[in-house]
Amino acid sequence: MVFLFKAGSLLDVDSHILYSPLPCRVPLPGFESFRFCFSQYDEKDRNLLRNLCFHLGAKYGEKLTKKVTHLLCKFTNGPKYEAACKWGIQSVTSEWIFECVKQVMYFDGD
């Protein structure tokens, strides 16, 4: 079993998708057309999510524009969330990305 330190704690690398090798094809099929923007995540989580999106084949933008396809946000409120709703941009949580990776892993038979 392999372990990782996070905030002074020892974690099993299998405890979260961000702490282990990706169990899916990279880039993740379909993610090449995605452009993400983040809202309500702290800097550490933004960096982890930005790297994950990059490895999955998606693009990332700091500012919410009409070119963004998905807003990653923790909560359903705030100016970015309201603008995303107004512009018809899909709002999802980071868990949505993790589930995409898991679903593809199961369908690919990996």
PDB file of N, CA and C in Angstrom:
ATOM      1  N   MET A   1       0.842  -1.166   0.000  1.00  0.00           N
ATOM      2  CA  MET A   1       0.000   0.000   0.000  1.00  0.00           C
ATOM      3  C   MET A   1       0.899   1.245   0.000  1.00  0.00           C
ATOM      4  N   VAL A   2       0.528   2.253  -0.796  1.00  0.00           N
ATOM      5  CA  VAL A   2       1.307   3.483  -0.910  1.00  0.00           C
ATOM      6  C   VAL A   2       0.560   4.596  -0.181  1.00  0.00           C
ATOM      7  N   PHE A   3       1.315   5.435   0.523  1.00  0.00           N
ATOM      8  CA  PHE A   3       0.708   6.520   1.273  1.00  0.00           C
ATOM      9  C   PHE A   3       1.251   7.861   0.823  1.00  0.00           C
ATOM     10  N   LEU A   4       0.499   8.910   1.098  1.00  0.00           N
ATOM     11  CA  LEU A   4       0.822  10.277   0.723  1.00  0.00           C
ATOM     12  C   LEU A   4       0.534  11.184   1.905  1.00  0.00           C
ATOM     13  N   PHE A   5       1.386  12.199   2.096  1.00  0.00           N
ATOM     14  CA  PHE A   5       1.136  13.180   3.144  1.00  0.00           C
ATOM     15  C   PHE A   5       0.275  14.295   2.605  1.00  0.00           C
ATOM     16  N   LYS A   6      -0.738  14.703   3.360  1.00  0.00           N
ATOM     17  CA  LYS A   6      -1.576  15.850   3.012  1.00  0.00           C
ATOM     18  C   LYS A   6      -1.943  16.546   4.311  1.00  0.00           C
ATOM     19  N   ALA A   7      -1.554  17.805   4.426  1.00  0.00           N
ATOM     20  CA  ALA A   7      -1.860  18.612   5.608  1.00  0.00           C
ATOM     21  C   ALA A   7      -1.473  17.890   6.894  1.00  0.00           C
ATOM     22  N   GLY A   8      -0.296  17.257   6.890  1.00  0.00           N
ATOM     23  CA  GLY A   8       0.196  16.588   8.084  1.00  0.00           C
ATOM     24  C   GLY A   8      -0.424  15.242   8.350  1.00  0.00           C
ATOM     25  N   SER A   9      -1.276  14.758   7.455  1.00  0.00           N
ATOM     26  CA  SER A   9      -1.921  13.456   7.627  1.00  0.00           C
ATOM     27  C   SER A   9      -1.406  12.484   6.583  1.00  0.00           C
ATOM     28  N   LEU A  10      -1.422  11.229   6.931  1.00  0.00           N
ATOM     29  CA  LEU A  10      -1.019  10.177   6.020  1.00  0.00           C
ATOM     30  C   LEU A  10      -2.265   9.622   5.337  1.00  0.00           C
ATOM     31  N   LEU A  11      -2.306   9.666   3.998  1.00  0.00           N
ATOM     32  CA  LEU A  11      -3.466   9.189   3.255  1.00  0.00           C
ATOM     33  C   LEU A  11      -3.089   8.034   2.353  1.00  0.00           C
ATOM     34  N   ASP A  12      -3.973   7.097   2.183  1.00  0.00           N
ATOM     35  CA  ASP A  12      -3.823   6.042   1.205  1.00  0.00           C
ATOM     36  C   ASP A  12      -4.004   6.675  -0.168  1.00  0.00           C
ATOM     37  N   VAL A  13      -3.085   6.439  -1.126  1.00  0.00           N
ATOM     38  CA  VAL A  13      -3.204   7.079  -2.434  1.00  0.00           C
ATOM     39  C   VAL A  13      -4.469   6.675  -3.166  1.00  0.00           C
ATOM     40  N   ASP A  14      -5.074   5.573  -2.795  1.00  0.00           N
ATOM     41  CA  ASP A  14      -6.326   5.160  -3.418  1.00  0.00           C
ATOM     42  C   ASP A  14      -7.535   5.863  -2.808  1.00  0.00           C
ATOM     43  N   SER A  15      -7.319   6.727  -1.812  1.00  0.00           N
ATOM     44  CA  SER A  15      -8.437   7.363  -1.121  1.00  0.00           C
ATOM     45  C   SER A  15      -9.109   8.450  -1.951  1.00  0.00           C
ATOM     46  N   HIS A  16      -8.431   8.964  -2.977  1.00  0.00           N
ATOM     47  CA  HIS A  16      -9.013  10.025  -3.798  1.00  0.00           C
ATOM     48  C   HIS A  16      -8.342  10.017  -5.163  1.00  0.00           C
ATOM     49  N   ILE A  17      -9.099  10.338  -6.190  1.00  0.00           N
ATOM     50  CA  ILE A  17      -8.604  10.310  -7.560  1.00  0.00           C
ATOM     51  C   ILE A  17      -7.431  11.261  -7.774  1.00  0.00           C
ATOM     52  N   LEU A  18      -7.390  12.374  -7.017  1.00  0.00           N
ATOM     53  CA  LEU A  18      -6.306  13.352  -7.173  1.00  0.00           C
ATOM     54  C   LEU A  18      -4.977  12.854  -6.618  1.00  0.00           C
ATOM     55  N   TYR A  19      -4.993  11.829  -5.783  1.00  0.00           N
ATOM     56  CA  TYR A  19      -3.790  11.372  -5.120  1.00  0.00           C
ATOM     57  C   TYR A  19      -3.247  10.070  -5.694  1.00  0.00           C
ATOM     58  N   SER A  20      -3.735   9.661  -6.829  1.00  0.00           N
ATOM     59  CA  SER A  20      -3.260   8.420  -7.431  1.00  0.00           C
ATOM     60  C   SER A  20      -3.173   8.587  -8.941  1.00  0.00           C
ATOM     61  N   PRO A  21      -2.469   7.688  -9.614  1.00  0.00           N
ATOM     62  CA  PRO A  21      -2.418   7.771 -11.078  1.00  0.00           C
ATOM     63  C   PRO A  21      -3.824   7.676 -11.665  1.00  0.00           C
ATOM     64  N   LEU A  22      -4.056   8.404 -12.746  1.00  0.00           N
ATOM     65  CA  LEU A  22      -5.381   8.394 -13.364  1.00  0.00           C
ATOM     66  C   LEU A  22      -5.690   7.008 -13.924  1.00  0.00           C
ATOM     67  N   PRO A  23      -6.853   6.474 -13.574  1.00  0.00           N
ATOM     68  CA  PRO A  23      -7.222   5.132 -14.006  1.00  0.00           C
ATOM     69  C   PRO A  23      -7.965   5.124 -15.350  1.00  0.00           C
ATOM     70  N   CYS A  24      -7.719   6.127 -16.177  1.00  0.00           N
ATOM     71  CA  CYS A  24      -8.434   6.228 -17.444  1.00  0.00           C
ATOM     72  C   CYS A  24      -7.462   6.644 -18.539  1.00  0.00           C
ATOM     73  N   ARG A  25      -7.943   6.608 -19.777  1.00  0.00           N
ATOM     74  CA  ARG A  25      -7.146   7.101 -20.896  1.00  0.00           C
ATOM     75  C   ARG A  25      -6.921   8.593 -20.750  1.00  0.00           C
ATOM     76  N   VAL A  26      -5.749   9.044 -21.164  1.00  0.00           N
ATOM     77  CA  VAL A  26      -5.448  10.469 -21.132  1.00  0.00           C
ATOM     78  C   VAL A  26      -5.013  10.866 -22.537  1.00  0.00           C
ATOM     79  N   PRO A  27      -5.638  11.853 -23.155  1.00  0.00           N
ATOM     80  CA  PRO A  27      -6.740  12.648 -22.612  1.00  0.00           C
ATOM     81  C   PRO A  27      -8.031  11.835 -22.539  1.00  0.00           C
ATOM     82  N   LEU A  28      -8.895  12.253 -21.648  1.00  0.00           N
ATOM     83  CA  LEU A  28     -10.179  11.588 -21.468  1.00  0.00           C
ATOM     84  C   LEU A  28     -11.060  11.913 -22.663  1.00  0.00           C
ATOM     85  N   PRO A  29     -11.568  10.899 -23.356  1.00  0.00           N
ATOM     86  CA  PRO A  29     -12.392  11.160 -24.547  1.00  0.00           C
ATOM     87  C   PRO A  29     -13.524  12.140 -24.258  1.00  0.00           C
ATOM     88  N   GLY A  30     -13.606  13.170 -25.092  1.00  0.00           N
ATOM     89  CA  GLY A  30     -14.644  14.186 -24.950  1.00  0.00           C
ATOM     90  C   GLY A  30     -14.189  15.422 -24.192  1.00  0.00           C
ATOM     91  N   PHE A  31     -13.169  15.298 -23.364  1.00  0.00           N
ATOM     92  CA  PHE A  31     -12.730  16.429 -22.555  1.00  0.00           C
ATOM     93  C   PHE A  31     -11.964  17.473 -23.363  1.00  0.00           C
ATOM     94  N   GLU A  32     -11.495  17.129 -24.555  1.00  0.00           N
ATOM     95  CA  GLU A  32     -10.749  18.090 -25.375  1.00  0.00           C
ATOM     96  C   GLU A  32     -11.600  19.296 -25.741  1.00  0.00           C
ATOM     97  N   SER A  33     -12.903  19.135 -25.770  1.00  0.00           N
ATOM     98  CA  SER A  33     -13.787  20.240 -26.148  1.00  0.00           C
ATOM     99  C   SER A  33     -14.241  21.069 -24.940  1.00  0.00           C
ATOM    100  N   PHE A  34     -13.843  20.675 -23.731  1.00  0.00           N
ATOM    101  CA  PHE A  34     -14.258  21.383 -22.526  1.00  0.00           C
ATOM    102  C   PHE A  34     -13.308  22.519 -22.192  1.00  0.00           C
ATOM    103  N   ARG A  35     -13.885  23.615 -21.720  1.00  0.00           N
ATOM    104  CA  ARG A  35     -13.122  24.751 -21.203  1.00  0.00           C
ATOM    105  C   ARG A  35     -13.715  25.097 -19.843  1.00  0.00           C
ATOM    106  N   PHE A  36     -12.908  24.918 -18.797  1.00  0.00           N
ATOM    107  CA  PHE A  36     -13.362  25.116 -17.425  1.00  0.00           C
ATOM    108  C   PHE A  36     -12.940  26.464 -16.864  1.00  0.00           C
ATOM    109  N   CYS A  37     -13.731  26.943 -15.936  1.00  0.00           N
ATOM    110  CA  CYS A  37     -13.417  28.098 -15.103  1.00  0.00           C
ATOM    111  C   CYS A  37     -13.823  27.680 -13.694  1.00  0.00           C
ATOM    112  N   PHE A  38     -13.090  28.145 -12.689  1.00  0.00           N
ATOM    113  CA  PHE A  38     -13.363  27.742 -11.308  1.00  0.00           C
ATOM    114  C   PHE A  38     -13.912  28.896 -10.498  1.00  0.00           C
ATOM    115  N   SER A  39     -14.733  28.554  -9.522  1.00  0.00           N
ATOM    116  CA  SER A  39     -15.267  29.536  -8.589  1.00  0.00           C
ATOM    117  C   SER A  39     -15.404  28.877  -7.229  1.00  0.00           C
ATOM    118  N   GLN A  40     -15.045  29.609  -6.181  1.00  0.00           N
ATOM    119  CA  GLN A  40     -15.258  29.197  -4.794  1.00  0.00           C
ATOM    120  C   GLN A  40     -14.295  28.120  -4.288  1.00  0.00           C
ATOM    121  N   TYR A  41     -13.260  27.788  -5.061  1.00  0.00           N
ATOM    122  CA  TYR A  41     -12.246  26.840  -4.602  1.00  0.00           C
ATOM    123  C   TYR A  41     -11.031  27.622  -4.142  1.00  0.00           C
ATOM    124  N   ASP A  42     -10.363  27.139  -3.075  1.00  0.00           N
ATOM    125  CA  ASP A  42      -9.164  27.828  -2.615  1.00  0.00           C
ATOM    126  C   ASP A  42      -8.010  27.553  -3.579  1.00  0.00           C
ATOM    127  N   GLU A  43      -6.931  28.268  -3.402  1.00  0.00           N
ATOM    128  CA  GLU A  43      -5.806  28.213  -4.351  1.00  0.00           C
ATOM    129  C   GLU A  43      -5.227  26.809  -4.505  1.00  0.00           C
ATOM    130  N   LYS A  44      -5.096  26.079  -3.406  1.00  0.00           N
ATOM    131  CA  LYS A  44      -4.559  24.720  -3.459  1.00  0.00           C
ATOM    132  C   LYS A  44      -5.462  23.815  -4.295  1.00  0.00           C
ATOM    133  N   ASP A  45      -6.768  23.881  -4.050  1.00  0.00           N
ATOM    134  CA  ASP A  45      -7.707  23.062  -4.816  1.00  0.00           C
ATOM    135  C   ASP A  45      -7.735  23.486  -6.286  1.00  0.00           C
ATOM    136  N   ARG A  46      -7.648  24.791  -6.536  1.00  0.00           N
ATOM    137  CA  ARG A  46      -7.606  25.284  -7.924  1.00  0.00           C
ATOM    138  C   ARG A  46      -6.410  24.706  -8.670  1.00  0.00           C
ATOM    139  N   ASN A  47      -5.256  24.688  -8.013  1.00  0.00           N
ATOM    140  CA  ASN A  47      -4.061  24.138  -8.662  1.00  0.00           C
ATOM    141  C   ASN A  47      -4.221  22.662  -8.974  1.00  0.00           C
ATOM    142  N   LEU A  48      -4.751  21.904  -8.017  1.00  0.00           N
ATOM    143  CA  LEU A  48      -4.980  20.475  -8.250  1.00  0.00           C
ATOM    144  C   LEU A  48      -5.982  20.256  -9.385  1.00  0.00           C
ATOM    145  N   LEU A  49      -7.076  21.007  -9.361  1.00  0.00           N
ATOM    146  CA  LEU A  49      -8.108  20.866 -10.391  1.00  0.00           C
ATOM    147  C   LEU A  49      -7.603  21.322 -11.764  1.00  0.00           C
ATOM    148  N   ARG A  50      -6.835  22.401 -11.785  1.00  0.00           N
ATOM    149  CA  ARG A  50      -6.267  22.893 -13.044  1.00  0.00           C
ATOM    150  C   ARG A  50      -5.368  21.823 -13.667  1.00  0.00           C
ATOM    151  N   ASN A  51      -4.517  21.201 -12.848  1.00  0.00           N
ATOM    152  CA  ASN A  51      -3.645  20.136 -13.349  1.00  0.00           C
ATOM    153  C   ASN A  51      -4.447  18.935 -13.832  1.00  0.00           C
ATOM    154  N   LEU A  52      -5.471  18.558 -13.081  1.00  0.00           N
ATOM    155  CA  LEU A  52      -6.316  17.440 -13.490  1.00  0.00           C
ATOM    156  C   LEU A  52      -6.985  17.735 -14.823  1.00  0.00           C
ATOM    157  N   CYS A  53      -7.574  18.916 -14.964  1.00  0.00           N
ATOM    158  CA  CYS A  53      -8.235  19.290 -16.220  1.00  0.00           C
ATOM    159  C   CYS A  53      -7.257  19.257 -17.382  1.00  0.00           C
ATOM    160  N   PHE A  54      -6.057  19.787 -17.162  1.00  0.00           N
ATOM    161  CA  PHE A  54      -5.027  19.798 -18.201  1.00  0.00           C
ATOM    162  C   PHE A  54      -4.698  18.366 -18.639  1.00  0.00           C
ATOM    163  N   HIS A  55      -4.471  17.469 -17.686  1.00  0.00           N
ATOM    164  CA  HIS A  55      -4.126  16.083 -18.013  1.00  0.00           C
ATOM    165  C   HIS A  55      -5.272  15.339 -18.677  1.00  0.00           C
ATOM    166  N   LEU A  56      -6.491  15.724 -18.367  1.00  0.00           N
ATOM    167  CA  LEU A  56      -7.652  15.081 -18.998  1.00  0.00           C
ATOM    168  C   LEU A  56      -7.919  15.641 -20.393  1.00  0.00           C
ATOM    169  N   GLY A  57      -7.211  16.710 -20.764  1.00  0.00           N
ATOM    170  CA  GLY A  57      -7.352  17.257 -22.111  1.00  0.00           C
ATOM    171  C   GLY A  57      -8.181  18.517 -22.217  1.00  0.00           C
ATOM    172  N   ALA A  58      -8.712  18.994 -21.096  1.00  0.00           N
ATOM    173  CA  ALA A  58      -9.560  20.192 -21.109  1.00  0.00           C
ATOM    174  C   ALA A  58      -8.714  21.450 -21.024  1.00  0.00           C
ATOM    175  N   LYS A  59      -9.318  22.560 -21.357  1.00  0.00           N
ATOM    176  CA  LYS A  59      -8.679  23.869 -21.224  1.00  0.00           C
ATOM    177  C   LYS A  59      -9.197  24.531 -19.953  1.00  0.00           C
ATOM    178  N   TYR A  60      -8.459  25.529 -19.488  1.00  0.00           N
ATOM    179  CA  TYR A  60      -8.813  26.248 -18.275  1.00  0.00           C
ATOM    180  C   TYR A  60      -8.676  27.741 -18.528  1.00  0.00           C
ATOM    181  N   GLY A  61      -9.597  28.516 -17.991  1.00  0.00           N
ATOM    182  CA  GLY A  61      -9.516  29.965 -18.080  1.00  0.00           C
ATOM    183  C   GLY A  61      -9.784  30.586 -16.727  1.00  0.00           C
ATOM    184  N   GLU A  62      -9.041  31.634 -16.397  1.00  0.00           N
ATOM    185  CA  GLU A  62      -9.220  32.339 -15.122  1.00  0.00           C
ATOM    186  C   GLU A  62     -10.548  33.077 -15.062  1.00  0.00           C
ATOM    187  N   LYS A  63     -10.920  33.676 -16.188  1.00  0.00           N
ATOM    188  CA  LYS A  63     -12.131  34.497 -16.222  1.00  0.00           C
ATOM    189  C   LYS A  63     -13.282  33.733 -16.858  1.00  0.00           C
ATOM    190  N   LEU A  64     -14.472  33.961 -16.348  1.00  0.00           N
ATOM    191  CA  LEU A  64     -15.663  33.366 -16.928  1.00  0.00           C
ATOM    192  C   LEU A  64     -16.039  34.167 -18.162  1.00  0.00           C
ATOM    193  N   THR A  65     -15.969  33.525 -19.309  1.00  0.00           N
ATOM    194  CA  THR A  65     -16.378  34.133 -20.566  1.00  0.00           C
ATOM    195  C   THR A  65     -17.387  33.211 -21.225  1.00  0.00           C
ATOM    196  N   LYS A  66     -17.963  33.653 -22.322  1.00  0.00           N
ATOM    197  CA  LYS A  66     -18.942  32.818 -23.022  1.00  0.00           C
ATOM    198  C   LYS A  66     -18.286  31.637 -23.738  1.00  0.00           C
ATOM    199  N   LYS A  67     -16.945  31.603 -23.776  1.00  0.00           N
ATOM    200  CA  LYS A  67     -16.233  30.462 -24.357  1.00  0.00           C
ATOM    201  C   LYS A  67     -16.108  29.303 -23.370  1.00  0.00           C
ATOM    202  N   VAL A  68     -16.335  29.566 -22.083  1.00  0.00           N
ATOM    203  CA  VAL A  68     -16.274  28.532 -21.047  1.00  0.00           C
ATOM    204  C   VAL A  68     -17.447  27.580 -21.239  1.00  0.00           C
ATOM    205  N   THR A  69     -17.175  26.272 -21.158  1.00  0.00           N
ATOM    206  CA  THR A  69     -18.251  25.278 -21.293  1.00  0.00           C
ATOM    207  C   THR A  69     -18.773  24.799 -19.943  1.00  0.00           C
ATOM    208  N   HIS A  70     -17.910  24.849 -18.902  1.00  0.00           N
ATOM    209  CA  HIS A  70     -18.290  24.355 -17.582  1.00  0.00           C
ATOM    210  C   HIS A  70     -17.689  25.249 -16.496  1.00  0.00           C
ATOM    211  N   LEU A  71     -18.527  25.649 -15.551  1.00  0.00           N
ATOM    212  CA  LEU A  71     -18.057  26.354 -14.366  1.00  0.00           C
ATOM    213  C   LEU A  71     -17.972  25.344 -13.233  1.00  0.00           C
ATOM    214  N   LEU A  72     -16.773  25.156 -12.687  1.00  0.00           N
ATOM    215  CA  LEU A  72     -16.608  24.295 -11.522  1.00  0.00           C
ATOM    216  C   LEU A  72     -16.787  25.161 -10.292  1.00  0.00           C
ATOM    217  N   CYS A  73     -17.826  24.889  -9.514  1.00  0.00           N
ATOM    218  CA  CYS A  73     -18.069  25.697  -8.319  1.00  0.00           C
ATOM    219  C   CYS A  73     -18.552  24.805  -7.184  1.00  0.00           C
ATOM    220  N   LYS A  74     -18.227  25.232  -5.977  1.00  0.00           N
ATOM    221  CA  LYS A  74     -18.626  24.468  -4.788  1.00  0.00           C
ATOM    222  C   LYS A  74     -20.086  24.681  -4.427  1.00  0.00           C
ATOM    223  N   PHE A  75     -20.580  25.913  -4.690  1.00  0.00           N
ATOM    224  CA  PHE A  75     -21.923  26.279  -4.252  1.00  0.00           C
ATOM    225  C   PHE A  75     -22.710  26.909  -5.399  1.00  0.00           C
ATOM    226  N   THR A  76     -24.010  26.850  -5.298  1.00  0.00           N
ATOM    227  CA  THR A  76     -24.873  27.421  -6.337  1.00  0.00           C
ATOM    228  C   THR A  76     -25.253  28.847  -5.986  1.00  0.00           C
ATOM    229  N   ASN A  77     -24.221  29.682  -5.878  1.00  0.00           N
ATOM    230  CA  ASN A  77     -24.444  31.104  -5.661  1.00  0.00           C
ATOM    231  C   ASN A  77     -23.186  31.869  -6.061  1.00  0.00           C
ATOM    232  N   GLY A  78     -23.277  33.176  -6.073  1.00  0.00           N
ATOM    233  CA  GLY A  78     -22.137  34.013  -6.401  1.00  0.00           C
ATOM    234  C   GLY A  78     -22.230  34.571  -7.807  1.00  0.00           C
ATOM    235  N   PRO A  79     -21.433  35.600  -8.091  1.00  0.00           N
ATOM    236  CA  PRO A  79     -21.511  36.281  -9.388  1.00  0.00           C
ATOM    237  C   PRO A  79     -21.155  35.394 -10.585  1.00  0.00           C
ATOM    238  N   LYS A  80     -20.122  34.546 -10.431  1.00  0.00           N
ATOM    239  CA  LYS A  80     -19.767  33.664 -11.555  1.00  0.00           C
ATOM    240  C   LYS A  80     -20.881  32.658 -11.821  1.00  0.00           C
ATOM    241  N   TYR A  81     -21.434  32.109 -10.745  1.00  0.00           N
ATOM    242  CA  TYR A  81     -22.522  31.141 -10.905  1.00  0.00           C
ATOM    243  C   TYR A  81     -23.716  31.791 -11.594  1.00  0.00           C
ATOM    244  N   GLU A  82     -24.082  32.986 -11.163  1.00  0.00           N
ATOM    245  CA  GLU A  82     -25.226  33.683 -11.750  1.00  0.00           C
ATOM    246  C   GLU A  82     -24.981  34.012 -13.228  1.00  0.00           C
ATOM    247  N   ALA A  83     -23.757  34.424 -13.559  1.00  0.00           N
ATOM    248  CA  ALA A  83     -23.427  34.708 -14.962  1.00  0.00           C
ATOM    249  C   ALA A  83     -23.470  33.430 -15.782  1.00  0.00           C
ATOM    250  N   ALA A  84     -22.958  32.328 -15.223  1.00  0.00           N
ATOM    251  CA  ALA A  84     -22.983  31.046 -15.940  1.00  0.00           C
ATOM    252  C   ALA A  84     -24.421  30.632 -16.243  1.00  0.00           C
ATOM    253  N   CYS A  85     -25.300  30.780 -15.285  1.00  0.00           N
ATOM    254  CA  CYS A  85     -26.722  30.452 -15.494  1.00  0.00           C
ATOM    255  C   CYS A  85     -27.308  31.323 -16.597  1.00  0.00           C
ATOM    256  N   LYS A  86     -27.018  32.596 -16.541  1.00  0.00           N
ATOM    257  CA  LYS A  86     -27.543  33.549 -17.532  1.00  0.00           C
ATOM    258  C   LYS A  86     -27.067  33.202 -18.938  1.00  0.00           C
ATOM    259  N   TRP A  87     -25.799  32.770 -19.065  1.00  0.00           N
ATOM    260  CA  TRP A  87     -25.211  32.459 -20.370  1.00  0.00           C
ATOM    261  C   TRP A  87     -25.423  31.009 -20.801  1.00  0.00           C
ATOM    262  N   GLY A  88     -26.081  30.217 -19.981  1.00  0.00           N
ATOM    263  CA  GLY A  88     -26.326  28.814 -20.327  1.00  0.00           C
ATOM    264  C   GLY A  88     -25.099  27.924 -20.188  1.00  0.00           C
ATOM    265  N   ILE A  89     -24.164  28.323 -19.327  1.00  0.00           N
ATOM    266  CA  ILE A  89     -22.954  27.530 -19.081  1.00  0.00           C
ATOM    267  C   ILE A  89     -23.251  26.514 -17.989  1.00  0.00           C
ATOM    268  N   GLN A  90     -22.882  25.274 -18.241  1.00  0.00           N
ATOM    269  CA  GLN A  90     -23.102  24.187 -17.285  1.00  0.00           C
ATOM    270  C   GLN A  90     -22.286  24.426 -16.020  1.00  0.00           C
ATOM    271  N   SER A  91     -22.909  24.354 -14.846  1.00  0.00           N
ATOM    272  CA  SER A  91     -22.211  24.455 -13.562  1.00  0.00           C
ATOM    273  C   SER A  91     -22.140  23.080 -12.937  1.00  0.00           C
ATOM    274  N   VAL A  92     -20.923  22.683 -12.546  1.00  0.00           N
ATOM    275  CA  VAL A  92     -20.692  21.365 -11.953  1.00  0.00           C
ATOM    276  C   VAL A  92     -19.713  21.519 -10.786  1.00  0.00           C
ATOM    277  N   THR A  93     -19.644  20.503  -9.949  1.00  0.00           N
ATOM    278  CA  THR A  93     -18.652  20.490  -8.869  1.00  0.00           C
ATOM    279  C   THR A  93     -17.456  19.658  -9.313  1.00  0.00           C
ATOM    280  N   SER A  94     -16.403  19.710  -8.535  1.00  0.00           N
ATOM    281  CA  SER A  94     -15.224  18.892  -8.848  1.00  0.00           C
ATOM    282  C   SER A  94     -15.578  17.411  -8.825  1.00  0.00           C
ATOM    283  N   GLU A  95     -16.548  17.038  -8.007  1.00  0.00           N
ATOM    284  CA  GLU A  95     -16.970  15.632  -7.943  1.00  0.00           C
ATOM    285  C   GLU A  95     -17.460  15.131  -9.301  1.00  0.00           C
ATOM    286  N   TRP A  96     -18.024  16.014 -10.105  1.00  0.00           N
ATOM    287  CA  TRP A  96     -18.492  15.644 -11.445  1.00  0.00           C
ATOM    288  C   TRP A  96     -17.315  15.155 -12.289  1.00  0.00           C
ATOM    289  N   ILE A  97     -16.187  15.868 -12.226  1.00  0.00           N
ATOM    290  CA  ILE A  97     -14.992  15.446 -12.978  1.00  0.00           C
ATOM    291  C   ILE A  97     -14.500  14.103 -12.459  1.00  0.00           C
ATOM    292  N   PHE A  98     -14.443  13.947 -11.137  1.00  0.00           N
ATOM    293  CA  PHE A  98     -13.988  12.678 -10.563  1.00  0.00           C
ATOM    294  C   PHE A  98     -14.883  11.529 -11.012  1.00  0.00           C
ATOM    295  N   GLU A  99     -16.188  11.757 -11.064  1.00  0.00           N
ATOM    296  CA  GLU A  99     -17.128  10.728 -11.515  1.00  0.00           C
ATOM    297  C   GLU A  99     -16.928  10.399 -12.998  1.00  0.00           C
ATOM    298  N   CYS A 100     -16.645  11.413 -13.810  1.00  0.00           N
ATOM    299  CA  CYS A 100     -16.358  11.167 -15.231  1.00  0.00           C
ATOM    300  C   CYS A 100     -15.189  10.212 -15.376  1.00  0.00           C
ATOM    301  N   VAL A 101     -14.132  10.450 -14.613  1.00  0.00           N
ATOM    302  CA  VAL A 101     -12.949   9.577 -14.654  1.00  0.00           C
ATOM    303  C   VAL A 101     -13.334   8.169 -14.223  1.00  0.00           C
ATOM    304  N   LYS A 102     -14.088   8.055 -13.130  1.00  0.00           N
ATOM    305  CA  LYS A 102     -14.490   6.733 -12.631  1.00  0.00           C
ATOM    306  C   LYS A 102     -15.374   6.005 -13.632  1.00  0.00           C
ATOM    307  N   GLN A 103     -16.339   6.711 -14.236  1.00  0.00           N
ATOM    308  CA  GLN A 103     -17.249   6.080 -15.188  1.00  0.00           C
ATOM    309  C   GLN A 103     -16.499   5.539 -16.401  1.00  0.00           C
ATOM    310  N   VAL A 104     -15.596   6.340 -16.934  1.00  0.00           N
ATOM    311  CA  VAL A 104     -14.817   5.897 -18.094  1.00  0.00           C
ATOM    312  C   VAL A 104     -13.953   4.708 -17.728  1.00  0.00           C
ATOM    313  N   MET A 105     -13.397   4.724 -16.521  1.00  0.00           N
ATOM    314  CA  MET A 105     -12.573   3.607 -16.057  1.00  0.00           C
ATOM    315  C   MET A 105     -13.387   2.315 -16.089  1.00  0.00           C
ATOM    316  N   TYR A 106     -14.638   2.359 -15.623  1.00  0.00           N
ATOM    317  CA  TYR A 106     -15.466   1.161 -15.578  1.00  0.00           C
ATOM    318  C   TYR A 106     -15.907   0.729 -16.967  1.00  0.00           C
ATOM    319  N   PHE A 107     -16.222   1.700 -17.841  1.00  0.00           N
ATOM    320  CA  PHE A 107     -16.682   1.347 -19.192  1.00  0.00           C
ATOM    321  C   PHE A 107     -15.553   0.843 -20.081  1.00  0.00           C
ATOM    322  N   ASP A 108     -14.326   1.328 -19.840  1.00  0.00           N
ATOM    323  CA  ASP A 108     -13.180   0.895 -20.645  1.00  0.00           C
ATOM    324  C   ASP A 108     -12.683  -0.474 -20.210  1.00  0.00           C
ATOM    325  N   GLY A 109     -13.072  -0.895 -19.026  1.00  0.00           N
ATOM    326  CA  GLY A 109     -12.602  -2.180 -18.521  1.00  0.00           C
ATOM    327  C   GLY A 109     -11.204  -2.103 -17.955  1.00  0.00           C
ATOM    328  N   ASP A 110     -10.696  -0.890 -17.714  1.00  0.00           N
ATOM    329  CA  ASP A 110      -9.345  -0.714 -17.151  1.00  0.00           C
ATOM    330  C   ASP A 110      -9.328  -1.079 -15.692  1.00  0.00           C
TER     331      ASP A 110
END
